[in-house]
Amino acid sequence: MLIVSRKMKHIYLTFGLVLFTSLSVWAQSAGRALTVGNETYEHKQFTQAEAAYRIASSKSDKKETPTYNLGNSLIRQKQNKEAISAYNKAIKEATTKTAKHQAYHNLGNAYMAEKNYKAAEQAYKNALRNNPKDDETRYNYAVAKKLNEENPQDDQNKDNQDQDNQDNQQNQDKNQDQNKDQN
C-alpha cells in the first residue's frame, strides 16, 4: 500500500489541475484562453492562470495582454526573474503608452523584489516617460533611487542592467521613429 503525505497530495492535485486546465484551454481559442487565465487569476489560482496566459500568448497575434498578464501571475508566484522576462517581452509588444507604462511599472516592481534597485529605478523612469502623471510610479521611482544610492549594485548585476538599458534605449528609439512618422 502506498502512503502519500499531505504535501505530496497537494502537489499531485495542483499538477492535475494545471494539466487539466492546460489541456482544456489548449483546445480553445486565444481569446478563451485569456478569459480562463483572467478567471483563474481572480480566484488566486496563479499557476493555472500562468498556463492559460502562456497558451493565449502562443495562439494570439496580439501578445501584449497575455504576456503582461503572464508577468503578473509569475510575480504572484514569486518567480521574479521569469516575470522580468515576461514584462520585457510585453514592453516590446506594447502598442500604446498606457500598456508600456503598466509593463514598465510592474517591471520595476519585479526588479525591486529582486533587490536590483538600479534596474528598478530605470524601469520606473521609463514608466514615467509613458505616463508622467502616475503618482504611484513617481513614489516607487523615488524609493528605488534612494535604495540604489544606499545600496550600490555590484558588477554581477551590471551585465543584466546593461542589457535592460539597451532594450529600453531601443524601445525609446522605436517610439521616437514612430512619432516622427506620425507627424
Protein backbone atom coordinates (compact mmCIF):
# COMPACT_ATOMS: atom_id res chain seq x y z
CA MET A 1 0.00 0.00 0.00
CA LEU A 2 1.38 3.39 -0.99
CA ILE A 3 1.34 6.07 1.67
CA VAL A 4 1.29 9.64 0.35
CA SER A 5 1.89 12.65 2.57
CA ARG A 6 -0.45 15.63 2.60
CA LYS A 7 2.19 17.72 0.87
CA MET A 8 2.51 15.18 -1.94
CA LYS A 9 -1.29 15.02 -2.30
CA HIS A 10 -1.31 18.79 -2.67
CA ILE A 11 1.42 18.61 -5.31
CA TYR A 12 -0.42 15.90 -7.25
CA LEU A 13 -3.69 17.80 -7.04
CA THR A 14 -2.07 21.04 -8.22
CA PHE A 15 -0.28 19.27 -11.06
CA GLY A 16 -3.52 17.60 -12.10
CA LEU A 17 -5.40 20.89 -12.11
CA VAL A 18 -2.69 22.59 -14.13
CA LEU A 19 -2.63 19.73 -16.62
CA PHE A 20 -6.43 19.70 -16.91
CA THR A 21 -6.59 23.48 -17.32
CA SER A 22 -3.80 23.43 -19.88
CA LEU A 23 -5.39 20.70 -21.98
CA SER A 24 -8.86 22.20 -21.90
CA VAL A 25 -7.60 25.69 -22.68
CA TRP A 26 -5.25 24.49 -25.43
CA ALA A 27 -8.20 23.21 -27.41
CA GLN A 28 -9.79 26.66 -27.28
CA SER A 29 -9.09 29.98 -28.91
CA ALA A 30 -6.60 32.58 -27.71
CA GLY A 31 -9.47 34.79 -26.52
CA ARG A 32 -10.98 31.99 -24.49
CA ALA A 33 -7.58 31.09 -23.03
CA LEU A 34 -7.14 34.72 -21.97
CA THR A 35 -10.57 34.68 -20.34
CA VAL A 36 -9.77 31.46 -18.49
CA GLY A 37 -6.48 32.99 -17.39
CA ASN A 38 -8.25 36.07 -16.06
CA GLU A 39 -10.87 33.99 -14.25
CA THR A 40 -8.31 31.72 -12.59
CA TYR A 41 -6.17 34.74 -11.69
CA GLU A 42 -9.16 36.34 -9.97
CA HIS A 43 -9.59 33.14 -7.94
CA LYS A 44 -5.92 33.34 -6.94
CA GLN A 45 -5.08 30.19 -8.91
CA PHE A 46 -1.92 31.72 -10.30
CA THR A 47 -0.36 28.53 -11.63
CA GLN A 48 -3.45 27.77 -13.70
CA ALA A 49 -3.60 31.40 -14.83
CA GLU A 50 0.05 31.18 -15.91
CA ALA A 51 -0.71 28.13 -18.04
CA ALA A 52 -3.71 29.82 -19.66
CA TYR A 53 -1.76 33.02 -20.38
CA ARG A 54 1.07 31.04 -21.95
CA ILE A 55 -1.44 29.33 -24.23
CA ALA A 56 -3.17 32.63 -25.07
CA SER A 57 0.17 34.20 -25.89
CA SER A 58 1.21 31.33 -28.14
CA LYS A 59 -2.10 31.38 -30.06
CA SER A 60 -2.61 35.12 -30.37
CA ASP A 61 -1.23 37.60 -32.87
CA LYS A 62 -1.59 40.31 -30.23
CA LYS A 63 0.61 39.01 -27.43
CA GLU A 64 0.80 42.22 -25.38
CA THR A 65 -2.08 41.48 -22.98
CA PRO A 66 -1.49 37.77 -22.30
CA THR A 67 2.25 38.37 -21.91
CA TYR A 68 1.67 41.23 -19.46
CA ASN A 69 -0.85 39.12 -17.53
CA LEU A 70 1.64 36.24 -17.53
CA GLY A 71 4.13 38.53 -15.82
CA ASN A 72 1.52 39.38 -13.20
CA SER A 73 0.78 35.72 -12.48
CA LEU A 74 4.51 34.96 -12.23
CA ILE A 75 5.04 37.82 -9.76
CA ARG A 76 2.26 36.36 -7.59
CA GLN A 77 4.14 33.06 -7.58
CA LYS A 78 7.38 34.82 -6.56
CA GLN A 79 9.00 33.89 -9.89
CA ASN A 80 10.51 37.33 -10.32
CA LYS A 81 13.14 36.52 -12.96
CA GLU A 82 10.55 34.92 -15.23
CA ALA A 83 8.23 37.86 -14.60
CA ILE A 84 11.01 40.26 -15.62
CA SER A 85 11.34 38.37 -18.89
CA ALA A 86 7.58 38.46 -19.47
CA TYR A 87 7.37 42.20 -18.78
CA ASN A 88 10.29 42.92 -21.11
CA LYS A 89 8.50 40.97 -23.82
CA ALA A 90 5.25 42.82 -23.10
CA ILE A 91 7.09 46.15 -23.41
CA LYS A 92 8.45 45.16 -26.82
CA GLU A 93 4.97 44.17 -27.99
CA ALA A 94 3.12 47.13 -26.43
CA THR A 95 1.47 49.46 -28.88
CA THR A 96 0.18 52.16 -26.51
CA LYS A 97 1.79 54.40 -23.93
CA THR A 98 -0.63 53.04 -21.31
CA ALA A 99 0.44 49.46 -21.96
CA LYS A 100 4.11 50.43 -21.88
CA HIS A 101 3.61 52.38 -18.67
CA GLN A 102 1.95 49.43 -16.92
CA ALA A 103 4.58 46.96 -18.09
CA TYR A 104 7.49 49.23 -17.11
CA HIS A 105 5.88 49.90 -13.72
CA ASN A 106 5.48 46.20 -12.96
CA LEU A 107 8.96 45.53 -14.35
CA GLY A 108 10.20 47.98 -11.72
CA ASN A 109 8.24 46.09 -9.07
CA ALA A 110 9.84 42.82 -10.16
CA TYR A 111 13.31 44.35 -10.02
CA MET A 112 12.56 45.74 -6.55
CA ALA A 113 11.61 42.23 -5.41
CA GLU A 114 15.00 41.06 -6.72
CA LYS A 115 16.68 43.96 -4.89
CA ASN A 116 18.05 45.23 -8.20
CA TYR A 117 17.40 48.87 -7.36
CA LYS A 118 19.29 50.38 -10.28
CA ALA A 119 17.25 48.42 -12.82
CA ALA A 120 14.06 49.22 -10.87
CA GLU A 121 14.92 52.92 -10.95
CA GLN A 122 15.40 52.74 -14.73
CA ALA A 123 12.14 50.83 -15.22
CA TYR A 124 10.15 53.34 -13.16
CA LYS A 125 11.79 56.19 -15.07
CA ASN A 126 10.64 54.61 -18.34
CA ALA A 127 7.16 54.13 -16.89
CA LEU A 128 7.06 57.84 -16.04
CA ARG A 129 8.10 58.70 -19.59
CA ASN A 130 4.95 56.95 -20.75
CA ASN A 131 2.72 58.39 -18.00
CA PRO A 132 4.27 61.30 -16.09
CA LYS A 133 1.09 61.81 -14.05
CA ASP A 134 1.23 58.50 -12.16
CA ASP A 135 1.97 59.32 -8.53
CA GLU A 136 2.48 55.69 -7.51
CA THR A 137 5.19 55.22 -10.13
CA ARG A 138 6.78 58.53 -9.10
CA TYR A 139 6.85 57.36 -5.47
CA ASN A 140 8.30 53.96 -6.43
CA TYR A 141 10.92 55.71 -8.55
CA ALA A 142 11.98 57.84 -5.58
CA VAL A 143 12.21 54.78 -3.33
CA ALA A 144 14.24 52.82 -5.90
CA LYS A 145 16.55 55.79 -6.45
CA LYS A 146 17.14 56.17 -2.71
CA LEU A 147 17.75 52.44 -2.23
CA ASN A 148 20.09 52.42 -5.21
CA GLU A 149 22.13 55.24 -3.68
CA GLU A 150 22.23 53.47 -0.30
CA ASN A 151 23.00 50.04 -1.79
CA PRO A 152 25.19 50.39 -4.87
CA GLN A 153 24.94 47.41 -7.19
CA ASP A 154 27.91 45.14 -7.63
CA ASP A 155 29.34 44.24 -11.04
CA GLN A 156 27.45 40.96 -11.07
CA ASN A 157 24.20 42.75 -11.93
CA LYS A 158 25.88 45.14 -14.36
CA ASP A 159 25.50 42.84 -17.38
CA ASN A 160 21.76 42.44 -16.78
CA GLN A 161 21.35 46.19 -16.33
CA ASP A 162 23.33 46.94 -19.48
CA GLN A 163 21.11 44.60 -21.49
CA ASP A 164 17.96 46.13 -19.99
CA ASN A 165 19.25 49.63 -20.72
CA GLN A 166 19.98 48.65 -24.33
CA ASP A 167 16.46 47.21 -24.66
CA ASN A 168 14.99 50.36 -23.13
CA GLN A 169 17.01 52.59 -25.47
CA GLN A 170 15.89 50.55 -28.48
CA ASN A 171 12.26 50.92 -27.38
CA GLN A 172 12.71 54.68 -26.95
CA ASP A 173 14.33 54.98 -30.36
CA LYS A 174 11.47 53.00 -31.90
CA ASN A 175 8.92 55.27 -30.20
CA GLN A 176 10.70 58.39 -31.49
CA ASP A 177 10.75 56.96 -35.02
CA GLN A 178 7.04 56.17 -34.82
CA ASN A 179 6.29 59.68 -33.55
CA LYS A 180 8.29 61.21 -36.41
CA ASP A 181 6.37 59.05 -38.91
CA GLN A 182 3.05 60.22 -37.47
CA ASN A 183 3.99 63.92 -37.71
